Amino acid sequence: MNDILAEAANNARGLAIDAIHKCSSGHLGLPLGSAEIGAVLFGDSLIHNPSDPKWINRDRFILSAGHGSMFIYSWLHISGYDLSLEEVKNFRQLGSKTPGHPEYGETPGVEATTGPLGQGIGNAVGYAVSGKMAAARFNTDDHEIFNHHVFALAGDGCLQEGVAAEAAAFAGHFNLDNLILLYDSNDVTLDAMAVKTQTEDTGARFKAMGWDTKTIDGHDINA
């Protein structure tokens, strides 16, 4: 299984490299650096149905770092969503299903429109709240209709935004245990290395807000 996931990660990298090279535009860092995260998510962890992307109890994945959009397009294509290789090749072209930033309603499997850094974390918290509310209203002792999780992938730039801090504090306060935030800590932002502006202990900050935090090697599929 792990060999299959590792091969899928490299295939996703190849798709991202080719698509971004073809249009001479885009962001390579996240699709390349988080490929193993995508392999584990879409190949093992997410409970979803590519043939029924609107299934009501599906796990939701939100790419907060929307500029790295070839990450999600690669994985939607590989995992069997209605996103053809031709659409992947049309990355960032007018009218394609693979715009520069993910857009809800344009691409099967995209759960939220993202781009402004940190916004996707707010989206994910809202989705987690709605999941809790739906479960409280519709679940019974005999029928657990809603038990899905919300996953979000964010980068250094996302966590520099105020909206991300506010949403994270809210999630910690209300113990949204159906929310998993993946932080791709590669120490790089668009303008400079993250250390130029960001030297805090991010794990300690999230622990202080009530989160259960874990640090892993994002390239280790076994982690």
C-alpha atoms as a PDB file:
ATOM      1  CA  MET A   1       0.000   0.000   0.000  1.00  0.00           C
ATOM      2  CA  ASN A   2       2.743   2.455   0.952  1.00  0.00           C
ATOM      3  CA  ASP A   3       4.597   1.759  -2.303  1.00  0.00           C
ATOM      4  CA  ILE A   4       1.420   2.591  -4.226  1.00  0.00           C
ATOM      5  CA  LEU A   5       0.970   5.831  -2.281  1.00  0.00           C
ATOM      6  CA  ALA A   6       4.618   6.787  -2.839  1.00  0.00           C
ATOM      7  CA  GLU A   7       4.245   6.199  -6.580  1.00  0.00           C
ATOM      8  CA  ALA A   8       1.031   8.232  -6.598  1.00  0.00           C
ATOM      9  CA  ALA A   9       2.843  11.094  -4.846  1.00  0.00           C
ATOM     10  CA  ASN A  10       5.483  11.164  -7.563  1.00  0.00           C
ATOM     11  CA  ASN A  11       2.808  11.024 -10.266  1.00  0.00           C
ATOM     12  CA  ALA A  12       1.089  14.021  -8.664  1.00  0.00           C
ATOM     13  CA  ARG A  13       4.387  15.888  -8.682  1.00  0.00           C
ATOM     14  CA  GLY A  14       4.811  15.113 -12.367  1.00  0.00           C
ATOM     15  CA  LEU A  15       1.340  16.393 -13.211  1.00  0.00           C
ATOM     16  CA  ALA A  16       2.010  19.626 -11.334  1.00  0.00           C
ATOM     17  CA  ILE A  17       5.382  20.176 -12.981  1.00  0.00           C
ATOM     18  CA  ASP A  18       4.029  19.540 -16.478  1.00  0.00           C
ATOM     19  CA  ALA A  19       0.895  21.679 -16.054  1.00  0.00           C
ATOM     20  CA  ILE A  20       2.728  24.636 -14.544  1.00  0.00           C
ATOM     21  CA  HIS A  21       5.495  24.418 -17.145  1.00  0.00           C
ATOM     22  CA  LYS A  22       2.956  24.293 -19.978  1.00  0.00           C
ATOM     23  CA  CYS A  23       1.261  27.549 -18.965  1.00  0.00           C
ATOM     24  CA  SER A  24       4.464  29.202 -17.659  1.00  0.00           C
ATOM     25  CA  SER A  25       2.591  30.253 -14.537  1.00  0.00           C
ATOM     26  CA  GLY A  26       1.736  28.839 -11.135  1.00  0.00           C
ATOM     27  CA  HIS A  27       3.188  27.793  -7.801  1.00  0.00           C
ATOM     28  CA  LEU A  28       5.253  24.612  -7.588  1.00  0.00           C
ATOM     29  CA  GLY A  29       6.221  24.589  -3.920  1.00  0.00           C
ATOM     30  CA  LEU A  30       3.096  23.181  -2.323  1.00  0.00           C
ATOM     31  CA  PRO A  31       2.241  20.568  -4.991  1.00  0.00           C
ATOM     32  CA  LEU A  32       5.786  19.210  -4.824  1.00  0.00           C
ATOM     33  CA  GLY A  33       6.404  19.558  -1.094  1.00  0.00           C
ATOM     34  CA  SER A  34       3.042  18.182   0.053  1.00  0.00           C
ATOM     35  CA  ALA A  35       2.719  15.311  -2.415  1.00  0.00           C
ATOM     36  CA  GLU A  36       2.951  12.628   0.269  1.00  0.00           C
ATOM     37  CA  ILE A  37       0.309  14.443   2.305  1.00  0.00           C
ATOM     38  CA  GLY A  38      -1.973  14.318  -0.720  1.00  0.00           C
ATOM     39  CA  ALA A  39      -1.257  10.628  -1.263  1.00  0.00           C
ATOM     40  CA  VAL A  40      -2.213   9.713   2.293  1.00  0.00           C
ATOM     41  CA  LEU A  41      -5.263  11.977   2.267  1.00  0.00           C
ATOM     42  CA  PHE A  42      -6.793  10.983  -1.057  1.00  0.00           C
ATOM     43  CA  GLY A  43      -5.478   7.427  -1.072  1.00  0.00           C
ATOM     44  CA  ASP A  44      -6.177   6.400   2.506  1.00  0.00           C
ATOM     45  CA  SER A  45      -7.604   8.919   4.991  1.00  0.00           C
ATOM     46  CA  LEU A  46     -10.447  10.777   3.276  1.00  0.00           C
ATOM     47  CA  ILE A  47     -13.828   9.065   3.229  1.00  0.00           C
ATOM     48  CA  HIS A  48     -15.170  10.237  -0.117  1.00  0.00           C
ATOM     49  CA  ASN A  49     -16.714   9.018  -3.345  1.00  0.00           C
ATOM     50  CA  PRO A  50     -15.270  10.534  -6.541  1.00  0.00           C
ATOM     51  CA  SER A  51     -18.274   9.286  -8.524  1.00  0.00           C
ATOM     52  CA  ASP A  52     -20.625  11.117  -6.130  1.00  0.00           C
ATOM     53  CA  PRO A  53     -18.799  14.312  -5.074  1.00  0.00           C
ATOM     54  CA  LYS A  54     -21.938  15.713  -3.415  1.00  0.00           C
ATOM     55  CA  TRP A  55     -22.469  12.717  -1.095  1.00  0.00           C
ATOM     56  CA  ILE A  56     -23.799  14.389   2.026  1.00  0.00           C
ATOM     57  CA  ASN A  57     -21.575  12.623   4.585  1.00  0.00           C
ATOM     58  CA  ARG A  58     -18.323  12.860   2.654  1.00  0.00           C
ATOM     59  CA  ASP A  59     -15.181  14.165   4.307  1.00  0.00           C
ATOM     60  CA  ARG A  60     -14.383  17.666   3.089  1.00  0.00           C
ATOM     61  CA  PHE A  61     -10.919  18.806   1.988  1.00  0.00           C
ATOM     62  CA  ILE A  62     -10.140  22.507   1.688  1.00  0.00           C
ATOM     63  CA  LEU A  63      -6.901  23.833   0.216  1.00  0.00           C
ATOM     64  CA  SER A  64      -6.419  27.028   2.200  1.00  0.00           C
ATOM     65  CA  ALA A  65      -3.182  27.748   0.345  1.00  0.00           C
ATOM     66  CA  GLY A  66      -5.195  28.119  -2.853  1.00  0.00           C
ATOM     67  CA  HIS A  67      -2.259  29.396  -4.902  1.00  0.00           C
ATOM     68  CA  GLY A  68      -0.937  25.811  -4.824  1.00  0.00           C
ATOM     69  CA  SER A  69      -3.991  24.713  -6.789  1.00  0.00           C
ATOM     70  CA  MET A  70      -2.188  22.093  -8.865  1.00  0.00           C
ATOM     71  CA  PHE A  71      -1.988  20.113  -5.618  1.00  0.00           C
ATOM     72  CA  ILE A  72      -5.731  19.567  -5.505  1.00  0.00           C
ATOM     73  CA  TYR A  73      -6.173  19.241  -9.277  1.00  0.00           C
ATOM     74  CA  SER A  74      -3.550  16.499  -9.417  1.00  0.00           C
ATOM     75  CA  TRP A  75      -5.216  14.555  -6.636  1.00  0.00           C
ATOM     76  CA  LEU A  76      -8.739  15.003  -7.919  1.00  0.00           C
ATOM     77  CA  HIS A  77      -7.599  13.631 -11.284  1.00  0.00           C
ATOM     78  CA  ILE A  78      -5.624  10.734  -9.801  1.00  0.00           C
ATOM     79  CA  SER A  79      -8.357   9.693  -7.374  1.00  0.00           C
ATOM     80  CA  GLY A  80     -11.031   9.501 -10.056  1.00  0.00           C
ATOM     81  CA  TYR A  81     -13.068  12.695  -9.949  1.00  0.00           C
ATOM     82  CA  ASP A  82     -14.540  14.022 -13.189  1.00  0.00           C
ATOM     83  CA  LEU A  83     -11.417  15.992 -14.009  1.00  0.00           C
ATOM     84  CA  SER A  84      -9.782  14.732 -17.170  1.00  0.00           C
ATOM     85  CA  LEU A  85      -6.105  14.859 -18.043  1.00  0.00           C
ATOM     86  CA  GLU A  86      -7.011  17.349 -20.757  1.00  0.00           C
ATOM     87  CA  GLU A  87      -8.444  19.682 -18.109  1.00  0.00           C
ATOM     88  CA  VAL A  88      -5.274  19.308 -16.057  1.00  0.00           C
ATOM     89  CA  LYS A  89      -3.289  20.261 -19.171  1.00  0.00           C
ATOM     90  CA  ASN A  90      -5.511  23.361 -19.482  1.00  0.00           C
ATOM     91  CA  PHE A  91      -4.360  24.652 -16.100  1.00  0.00           C
ATOM     92  CA  ARG A  92      -4.907  28.413 -15.754  1.00  0.00           C
ATOM     93  CA  GLN A  93      -6.586  28.684 -19.155  1.00  0.00           C
ATOM     94  CA  LEU A  94      -9.780  30.692 -19.633  1.00  0.00           C
ATOM     95  CA  GLY A  95     -12.858  28.486 -19.315  1.00  0.00           C
ATOM     96  CA  SER A  96     -11.033  25.442 -17.946  1.00  0.00           C
ATOM     97  CA  LYS A  97     -11.974  23.460 -14.846  1.00  0.00           C
ATOM     98  CA  THR A  98      -8.498  24.131 -13.464  1.00  0.00           C
ATOM     99  CA  PRO A  99      -8.281  27.878 -12.759  1.00  0.00           C
ATOM    100  CA  GLY A 100      -5.286  29.420 -11.018  1.00  0.00           C
ATOM    101  CA  HIS A 101      -7.096  29.292  -7.680  1.00  0.00           C
ATOM    102  CA  PRO A 102      -9.695  26.630  -6.814  1.00  0.00           C
ATOM    103  CA  GLU A 103     -13.269  27.766  -7.403  1.00  0.00           C
ATOM    104  CA  TYR A 104     -16.290  26.090  -5.847  1.00  0.00           C
ATOM    105  CA  GLY A 105     -18.794  25.002  -8.477  1.00  0.00           C
ATOM    106  CA  GLU A 106     -16.253  24.983 -11.309  1.00  0.00           C
ATOM    107  CA  THR A 107     -14.336  21.805 -10.470  1.00  0.00           C
ATOM    108  CA  PRO A 108     -15.823  18.544  -9.134  1.00  0.00           C
ATOM    109  CA  GLY A 109     -14.348  17.861  -5.698  1.00  0.00           C
ATOM    110  CA  VAL A 110     -13.408  21.458  -4.884  1.00  0.00           C
ATOM    111  CA  GLU A 111     -15.251  22.295  -1.666  1.00  0.00           C
ATOM    112  CA  ALA A 112     -14.444  26.005  -1.352  1.00  0.00           C
ATOM    113  CA  THR A 113     -13.112  28.916  -3.365  1.00  0.00           C
ATOM    114  CA  THR A 114      -9.730  29.818  -1.892  1.00  0.00           C
ATOM    115  CA  GLY A 115      -6.858  32.113  -2.726  1.00  0.00           C
ATOM    116  CA  PRO A 116      -6.617  34.880  -0.127  1.00  0.00           C
ATOM    117  CA  LEU A 117      -4.309  33.313   2.442  1.00  0.00           C
ATOM    118  CA  GLY A 118      -5.967  32.084   5.623  1.00  0.00           C
ATOM    119  CA  GLN A 119      -9.455  32.215   4.167  1.00  0.00           C
ATOM    120  CA  GLY A 120      -9.610  28.447   3.773  1.00  0.00           C
ATOM    121  CA  ILE A 121      -9.006  27.966   7.491  1.00  0.00           C
ATOM    122  CA  GLY A 122     -12.069  30.088   8.175  1.00  0.00           C
ATOM    123  CA  ASN A 123     -13.996  28.047   5.597  1.00  0.00           C
ATOM    124  CA  ALA A 124     -12.903  24.807   7.231  1.00  0.00           C
ATOM    125  CA  VAL A 125     -13.962  25.965  10.688  1.00  0.00           C
ATOM    126  CA  GLY A 126     -17.349  26.959   9.314  1.00  0.00           C
ATOM    127  CA  TYR A 127     -17.761  23.579   7.614  1.00  0.00           C
ATOM    128  CA  ALA A 128     -16.821  21.833  10.853  1.00  0.00           C
ATOM    129  CA  VAL A 129     -19.426  23.851  12.758  1.00  0.00           C
ATOM    130  CA  SER A 130     -22.084  23.015  10.172  1.00  0.00           C
ATOM    131  CA  GLY A 131     -21.178  19.332  10.488  1.00  0.00           C
ATOM    132  CA  LYS A 132     -21.628  19.477  14.257  1.00  0.00           C
ATOM    133  CA  MET A 133     -24.955  21.261  13.869  1.00  0.00           C
ATOM    134  CA  ALA A 134     -26.207  18.727  11.320  1.00  0.00           C
ATOM    135  CA  ALA A 135     -25.178  15.841  13.575  1.00  0.00           C
ATOM    136  CA  ALA A 136     -26.935  17.386  16.571  1.00  0.00           C
ATOM    137  CA  ARG A 137     -30.122  17.859  14.589  1.00  0.00           C
ATOM    138  CA  PHE A 138     -30.370  14.676  12.538  1.00  0.00           C
ATOM    139  CA  ASN A 139     -28.351  11.908  14.228  1.00  0.00           C
ATOM    140  CA  THR A 140     -30.179   9.441  16.454  1.00  0.00           C
ATOM    141  CA  ASP A 141     -29.064   6.594  18.695  1.00  0.00           C
ATOM    142  CA  ASP A 142     -29.830   4.189  15.864  1.00  0.00           C
ATOM    143  CA  HIS A 143     -28.699   6.242  12.869  1.00  0.00           C
ATOM    144  CA  GLU A 144     -25.506   8.304  12.693  1.00  0.00           C
ATOM    145  CA  ILE A 145     -26.182  10.248   9.521  1.00  0.00           C
ATOM    146  CA  PHE A 146     -23.443  12.859   9.917  1.00  0.00           C
ATOM    147  CA  ASN A 147     -19.993  11.908  11.211  1.00  0.00           C
ATOM    148  CA  HIS A 148     -17.700  13.320   8.535  1.00  0.00           C
ATOM    149  CA  HIS A 149     -14.465  15.241   9.067  1.00  0.00           C
ATOM    150  CA  VAL A 150     -13.118  18.430   7.551  1.00  0.00           C
ATOM    151  CA  PHE A 151      -9.469  18.559   6.464  1.00  0.00           C
ATOM    152  CA  ALA A 152      -7.645  21.750   5.526  1.00  0.00           C
ATOM    153  CA  LEU A 153      -4.115  22.241   4.207  1.00  0.00           C
ATOM    154  CA  ALA A 154      -2.441  25.552   5.008  1.00  0.00           C
ATOM    155  CA  GLY A 155       1.021  27.032   4.578  1.00  0.00           C
ATOM    156  CA  ASP A 156       3.162  29.536   6.452  1.00  0.00           C
ATOM    157  CA  GLY A 157       1.483  32.477   4.742  1.00  0.00           C
ATOM    158  CA  CYS A 158      -1.974  31.262   5.799  1.00  0.00           C
ATOM    159  CA  LEU A 159      -1.028  31.279   9.468  1.00  0.00           C
ATOM    160  CA  GLN A 160       0.241  34.859   9.223  1.00  0.00           C
ATOM    161  CA  GLU A 161      -3.289  36.071   8.516  1.00  0.00           C
ATOM    162  CA  GLY A 162      -5.613  37.405  11.187  1.00  0.00           C
ATOM    163  CA  VAL A 163      -8.599  35.450   9.890  1.00  0.00           C
ATOM    164  CA  ALA A 164      -6.690  32.214  10.468  1.00  0.00           C
ATOM    165  CA  ALA A 165      -5.906  33.127  14.084  1.00  0.00           C
ATOM    166  CA  GLU A 166      -9.502  34.095  14.816  1.00  0.00           C
ATOM    167  CA  ALA A 167     -10.911  30.948  13.224  1.00  0.00           C
ATOM    168  CA  ALA A 168      -8.395  28.706  14.985  1.00  0.00           C
ATOM    169  CA  ALA A 169      -9.193  30.262  18.362  1.00  0.00           C
ATOM    170  CA  PHE A 170     -12.907  29.710  17.731  1.00  0.00           C
ATOM    171  CA  ALA A 171     -12.320  26.068  16.769  1.00  0.00           C
ATOM    172  CA  GLY A 172     -10.254  25.418  19.879  1.00  0.00           C
ATOM    173  CA  HIS A 173     -12.781  27.083  22.176  1.00  0.00           C
ATOM    174  CA  PHE A 174     -15.653  25.006  20.804  1.00  0.00           C
ATOM    175  CA  ASN A 175     -13.630  21.775  20.624  1.00  0.00           C
ATOM    176  CA  LEU A 176     -14.276  21.084  16.952  1.00  0.00           C
ATOM    177  CA  ASP A 177     -12.823  17.587  16.994  1.00  0.00           C
ATOM    178  CA  ASN A 178     -14.136  16.928  13.480  1.00  0.00           C
ATOM    179  CA  LEU A 179     -11.583  19.389  12.070  1.00  0.00           C
ATOM    180  CA  ILE A 180      -8.020  18.471  11.050  1.00  0.00           C
ATOM    181  CA  LEU A 181      -5.700  21.294  10.007  1.00  0.00           C
ATOM    182  CA  LEU A 182      -2.539  20.259   8.173  1.00  0.00           C
ATOM    183  CA  TYR A 183       0.194  22.888   8.380  1.00  0.00           C
ATOM    184  CA  ASP A 184       2.829  22.605   5.649  1.00  0.00           C
ATOM    185  CA  SER A 185       5.698  24.213   7.548  1.00  0.00           C
ATOM    186  CA  ASN A 186       8.280  24.632   4.806  1.00  0.00           C
ATOM    187  CA  ASP A 187       9.465  28.047   6.057  1.00  0.00           C
ATOM    188  CA  VAL A 188       8.868  29.719   2.692  1.00  0.00           C
ATOM    189  CA  THR A 189       6.516  32.549   1.736  1.00  0.00           C
ATOM    190  CA  LEU A 190       6.166  34.432  -1.545  1.00  0.00           C
ATOM    191  CA  ASP A 191       8.407  37.361  -0.609  1.00  0.00           C
ATOM    192  CA  ALA A 192      11.047  35.732   1.584  1.00  0.00           C
ATOM    193  CA  MET A 193      11.835  32.914   3.945  1.00  0.00           C
ATOM    194  CA  ALA A 194       9.176  32.800   6.662  1.00  0.00           C
ATOM    195  CA  VAL A 195      11.757  33.405   9.388  1.00  0.00           C
ATOM    196  CA  LYS A 196      11.942  37.029   8.226  1.00  0.00           C
ATOM    197  CA  THR A 197       8.513  37.669   9.727  1.00  0.00           C
ATOM    198  CA  GLN A 198       7.466  34.516  11.582  1.00  0.00           C
ATOM    199  CA  THR A 199       9.524  33.077  14.449  1.00  0.00           C
ATOM    200  CA  GLU A 200       6.817  32.006  16.894  1.00  0.00           C
ATOM    201  CA  ASP A 201       6.292  28.455  18.142  1.00  0.00           C
ATOM    202  CA  THR A 202       3.234  27.615  16.054  1.00  0.00           C
ATOM    203  CA  GLY A 203       2.568  24.330  17.823  1.00  0.00           C
ATOM    204  CA  ALA A 204       2.598  26.017  21.224  1.00  0.00           C
ATOM    205  CA  ARG A 205       0.243  28.712  19.962  1.00  0.00           C
ATOM    206  CA  PHE A 206      -2.291  26.163  18.770  1.00  0.00           C
ATOM    207  CA  LYS A 207      -1.976  24.175  21.989  1.00  0.00           C
ATOM    208  CA  ALA A 208      -2.744  27.358  23.901  1.00  0.00           C
ATOM    209  CA  MET A 209      -5.914  27.697  21.828  1.00  0.00           C
ATOM    210  CA  GLY A 210      -7.019  24.192  22.792  1.00  0.00           C
ATOM    211  CA  TRP A 211      -5.839  22.184  19.791  1.00  0.00           C
ATOM    212  CA  ASP A 212      -4.367  18.680  19.908  1.00  0.00           C
ATOM    213  CA  THR A 213      -1.123  19.147  17.960  1.00  0.00           C
ATOM    214  CA  LYS A 214       1.248  16.640  16.399  1.00  0.00           C
ATOM    215  CA  THR A 215       4.489  17.187  14.471  1.00  0.00           C
ATOM    216  CA  ILE A 216       5.362  14.685  11.741  1.00  0.00           C
ATOM    217  CA  ASP A 217       7.665  14.363   8.746  1.00  0.00           C
ATOM    218  CA  GLY A 218       5.375  15.317   5.882  1.00  0.00           C
ATOM    219  CA  HIS A 219       7.416  13.246   3.418  1.00  0.00           C
ATOM    220  CA  ASP A 220       7.086  10.049   5.479  1.00  0.00           C
ATOM    221  CA  ILE A 221       3.991   8.174   4.354  1.00  0.00           C
ATOM    222  CA  ASN A 222       4.196   5.961   7.441  1.00  0.00           C
ATOM    223  CA  ALA A 223       3.940   8.995   9.730  1.00  0.00           C
END
